[in-house]
Amino acid sequence: MDPLTFVFIVVGLVGFGLVAGAGRPRDEMRNHRRWESGFYAESHKEVHTDATGVLMCRQCGASASERAGRCPSCGASL
């Protein structure tokens, strides 16, 4: 086989591989960004407490200590 032909075949296969796999990383990147923005929004949500340090759960309405971080009834983050 001629070396020039071999180079064209290798370059063609690499190009085909790049084109064939181009759709998947874009979707993965979009899903990762969506997860990241949701995580950022949840972690930076402002929660106002009263002077006692007791929070009310947004999921079930139970009261829990601010330090607990999680609802004792349903386990949701406070």
N, C-alpha and C. Protein backbone atom coordinates (compact mmCIF):
# COMPACT_ATOMS: atom_id res chain seq x y z
N MET A 1 0.85 -1.17 0.00
CA MET A 1 0.00 0.00 0.00
C MET A 1 0.90 1.24 0.00
N ASP A 2 0.51 2.17 -0.77
CA ASP A 2 1.24 3.42 -0.90
C ASP A 2 1.11 4.22 0.41
N PRO A 3 2.18 4.82 0.93
CA PRO A 3 2.11 5.57 2.20
C PRO A 3 1.12 6.74 2.14
N LEU A 4 1.02 7.38 1.01
CA LEU A 4 0.08 8.49 0.88
C LEU A 4 -1.37 8.01 1.01
N THR A 5 -1.66 6.87 0.41
CA THR A 5 -3.01 6.29 0.52
C THR A 5 -3.30 5.92 1.97
N PHE A 6 -2.33 5.36 2.66
CA PHE A 6 -2.49 4.99 4.06
C PHE A 6 -2.80 6.22 4.92
N VAL A 7 -2.10 7.31 4.66
CA VAL A 7 -2.34 8.56 5.40
C VAL A 7 -3.75 9.06 5.15
N PHE A 8 -4.21 9.02 3.89
CA PHE A 8 -5.58 9.46 3.58
C PHE A 8 -6.62 8.59 4.27
N ILE A 9 -6.39 7.30 4.33
CA ILE A 9 -7.33 6.40 4.99
C ILE A 9 -7.39 6.71 6.49
N VAL A 10 -6.23 6.90 7.12
CA VAL A 10 -6.19 7.19 8.56
C VAL A 10 -6.87 8.53 8.85
N VAL A 11 -6.58 9.53 8.04
CA VAL A 11 -7.20 10.85 8.24
C VAL A 11 -8.71 10.75 8.03
N GLY A 12 -9.14 9.98 7.05
CA GLY A 12 -10.58 9.79 6.80
C GLY A 12 -11.26 9.09 7.96
N LEU A 13 -10.64 8.06 8.52
CA LEU A 13 -11.22 7.36 9.66
C LEU A 13 -11.29 8.25 10.88
N VAL A 14 -10.27 9.03 11.13
CA VAL A 14 -10.28 9.95 12.27
C VAL A 14 -11.37 11.01 12.08
N GLY A 15 -11.49 11.53 10.87
CA GLY A 15 -12.54 12.52 10.59
C GLY A 15 -13.92 11.94 10.75
N PHE A 16 -14.13 10.72 10.28
CA PHE A 16 -15.42 10.06 10.44
C PHE A 16 -15.74 9.83 11.91
N GLY A 17 -14.75 9.44 12.68
CA GLY A 17 -14.94 9.23 14.11
C GLY A 17 -15.33 10.51 14.82
N LEU A 18 -14.73 11.61 14.44
CA LEU A 18 -15.07 12.89 15.05
C LEU A 18 -16.49 13.33 14.70
N VAL A 19 -16.89 13.11 13.45
CA VAL A 19 -18.23 13.50 13.02
C VAL A 19 -19.28 12.58 13.64
N ALA A 20 -19.00 11.28 13.71
CA ALA A 20 -19.97 10.33 14.25
C ALA A 20 -20.19 10.53 15.74
N GLY A 21 -19.17 10.91 16.48
CA GLY A 21 -19.30 11.08 17.91
C GLY A 21 -19.59 12.49 18.35
N ALA A 22 -19.85 13.39 17.42
CA ALA A 22 -20.02 14.80 17.78
C ALA A 22 -21.34 15.08 18.48
N GLY A 23 -22.39 14.29 18.26
CA GLY A 23 -23.69 14.57 18.86
C GLY A 23 -23.77 14.24 20.33
N ARG A 24 -23.06 13.24 20.77
CA ARG A 24 -23.18 12.81 22.16
C ARG A 24 -22.57 13.77 23.16
N PRO A 25 -21.37 14.26 22.98
CA PRO A 25 -20.81 15.16 23.99
C PRO A 25 -21.61 16.46 24.18
N ARG A 26 -22.24 16.94 23.14
CA ARG A 26 -23.01 18.17 23.26
C ARG A 26 -24.20 17.94 24.20
N ASP A 27 -24.89 16.79 24.06
CA ASP A 27 -26.00 16.49 24.95
C ASP A 27 -25.52 16.27 26.37
N GLU A 28 -24.39 15.60 26.52
CA GLU A 28 -23.84 15.39 27.85
C GLU A 28 -23.46 16.71 28.49
N MET A 29 -22.90 17.60 27.71
CA MET A 29 -22.50 18.90 28.23
C MET A 29 -23.73 19.70 28.66
N ARG A 30 -24.81 19.64 27.86
CA ARG A 30 -26.03 20.35 28.20
C ARG A 30 -26.64 19.79 29.48
N ASN A 31 -26.66 18.47 29.62
CA ASN A 31 -27.20 17.86 30.84
C ASN A 31 -26.35 18.21 32.05
N HIS A 32 -25.03 18.25 31.87
CA HIS A 32 -24.14 18.60 32.97
C HIS A 32 -24.36 20.04 33.41
N ARG A 33 -24.52 20.94 32.45
CA ARG A 33 -24.78 22.35 32.78
C ARG A 33 -26.11 22.51 33.50
N ARG A 34 -27.12 21.75 33.06
CA ARG A 34 -28.43 21.83 33.69
C ARG A 34 -28.34 21.36 35.14
N TRP A 35 -27.63 20.25 35.37
CA TRP A 35 -27.46 19.74 36.73
C TRP A 35 -26.68 20.74 37.57
N GLU A 36 -25.62 21.31 36.97
CA GLU A 36 -24.78 22.27 37.70
C GLU A 36 -25.57 23.51 38.08
N SER A 37 -26.39 24.03 37.19
CA SER A 37 -27.16 25.23 37.52
C SER A 37 -28.22 24.93 38.56
N GLY A 38 -28.82 23.74 38.51
CA GLY A 38 -29.78 23.36 39.54
C GLY A 38 -29.13 23.21 40.89
N PHE A 39 -27.96 22.62 40.93
CA PHE A 39 -27.23 22.46 42.17
C PHE A 39 -26.84 23.81 42.74
N TYR A 40 -26.37 24.71 41.88
CA TYR A 40 -25.98 26.05 42.33
C TYR A 40 -27.19 26.79 42.90
N ALA A 41 -28.32 26.71 42.22
CA ALA A 41 -29.53 27.41 42.70
C ALA A 41 -29.97 26.85 44.04
N GLU A 42 -29.93 25.53 44.20
CA GLU A 42 -30.37 24.92 45.46
C GLU A 42 -29.41 25.26 46.60
N SER A 43 -28.12 25.27 46.29
CA SER A 43 -27.14 25.51 47.36
C SER A 43 -27.04 26.98 47.75
N HIS A 44 -27.50 27.89 46.90
CA HIS A 44 -27.43 29.32 47.22
C HIS A 44 -28.80 29.92 47.52
N LYS A 45 -29.78 29.07 47.77
CA LYS A 45 -31.11 29.56 48.08
C LYS A 45 -31.10 30.21 49.46
N GLU A 46 -31.67 31.39 49.55
CA GLU A 46 -31.71 32.10 50.83
C GLU A 46 -32.83 31.55 51.69
N VAL A 47 -32.50 31.20 52.91
CA VAL A 47 -33.49 30.70 53.85
C VAL A 47 -33.47 31.63 55.05
N HIS A 48 -34.61 32.19 55.36
CA HIS A 48 -34.69 33.11 56.48
C HIS A 48 -35.18 32.37 57.72
N THR A 49 -34.46 32.54 58.79
CA THR A 49 -34.84 31.89 60.05
C THR A 49 -35.34 32.94 61.02
N ASP A 50 -36.02 32.46 62.01
CA ASP A 50 -36.41 33.38 63.08
C ASP A 50 -35.29 33.40 64.12
N ALA A 51 -35.48 34.09 65.20
CA ALA A 51 -34.44 34.24 66.22
C ALA A 51 -34.12 32.93 66.93
N THR A 52 -35.02 31.95 66.85
CA THR A 52 -34.80 30.69 67.55
C THR A 52 -33.93 29.72 66.75
N GLY A 53 -33.71 29.96 65.48
CA GLY A 53 -32.92 29.07 64.66
C GLY A 53 -33.70 27.86 64.18
N VAL A 54 -35.01 27.97 64.13
CA VAL A 54 -35.86 26.87 63.69
C VAL A 54 -36.33 27.16 62.28
N LEU A 55 -36.20 26.17 61.41
CA LEU A 55 -36.64 26.31 60.03
C LEU A 55 -37.87 25.46 59.78
N MET A 56 -38.68 25.87 58.79
CA MET A 56 -39.81 25.06 58.38
C MET A 56 -39.46 24.40 57.05
N CYS A 57 -39.70 23.10 56.96
CA CYS A 57 -39.39 22.34 55.75
C CYS A 57 -40.26 22.82 54.60
N ARG A 58 -39.67 23.02 53.42
CA ARG A 58 -40.43 23.45 52.25
C ARG A 58 -41.24 22.31 51.66
N GLN A 59 -40.86 21.06 51.96
CA GLN A 59 -41.55 19.89 51.40
C GLN A 59 -42.79 19.52 52.21
N CYS A 60 -42.59 19.31 53.54
CA CYS A 60 -43.70 18.78 54.34
C CYS A 60 -44.19 19.75 55.41
N GLY A 61 -43.47 20.83 55.68
CA GLY A 61 -43.92 21.82 56.65
C GLY A 61 -43.49 21.55 58.08
N ALA A 62 -42.72 20.50 58.31
CA ALA A 62 -42.26 20.19 59.66
C ALA A 62 -41.20 21.18 60.09
N SER A 63 -41.03 21.37 61.40
CA SER A 63 -40.01 22.27 61.92
C SER A 63 -38.78 21.48 62.32
N ALA A 64 -37.62 22.08 62.08
CA ALA A 64 -36.36 21.43 62.44
C ALA A 64 -35.34 22.50 62.76
N SER A 65 -34.31 22.11 63.48
CA SER A 65 -33.24 23.02 63.82
C SER A 65 -32.49 23.45 62.57
N GLU A 66 -32.03 24.70 62.59
CA GLU A 66 -31.27 25.21 61.44
C GLU A 66 -29.99 24.41 61.24
N ARG A 67 -29.39 23.95 62.31
CA ARG A 67 -28.14 23.19 62.23
C ARG A 67 -28.33 21.80 61.66
N ALA A 68 -29.56 21.28 61.73
CA ALA A 68 -29.80 19.92 61.26
C ALA A 68 -29.50 19.79 59.77
N GLY A 69 -29.92 20.78 59.01
CA GLY A 69 -29.66 20.76 57.58
C GLY A 69 -30.66 19.94 56.80
N ARG A 70 -31.26 18.93 57.43
CA ARG A 70 -32.25 18.07 56.78
C ARG A 70 -33.50 17.97 57.64
N CYS A 71 -34.61 17.78 56.99
CA CYS A 71 -35.88 17.63 57.70
C CYS A 71 -35.93 16.27 58.38
N PRO A 72 -36.33 16.22 59.64
CA PRO A 72 -36.41 14.92 60.32
C PRO A 72 -37.56 14.05 59.82
N SER A 73 -38.56 14.66 59.21
CA SER A 73 -39.72 13.90 58.73
C SER A 73 -39.52 13.30 57.35
N CYS A 74 -39.13 14.15 56.40
CA CYS A 74 -39.05 13.67 55.01
C CYS A 74 -37.62 13.59 54.50
N GLY A 75 -36.65 14.18 55.17
CA GLY A 75 -35.26 14.10 54.74
C GLY A 75 -34.84 15.13 53.71
N ALA A 76 -35.72 16.05 53.35
CA ALA A 76 -35.37 17.08 52.38
C ALA A 76 -34.42 18.09 53.00
N SER A 77 -33.61 18.73 52.16
CA SER A 77 -32.69 19.73 52.71
C SER A 77 -33.47 20.98 53.08
N LEU A 78 -33.09 21.57 54.19
CA LEU A 78 -33.80 22.75 54.70
C LEU A 78 -33.27 24.02 54.08
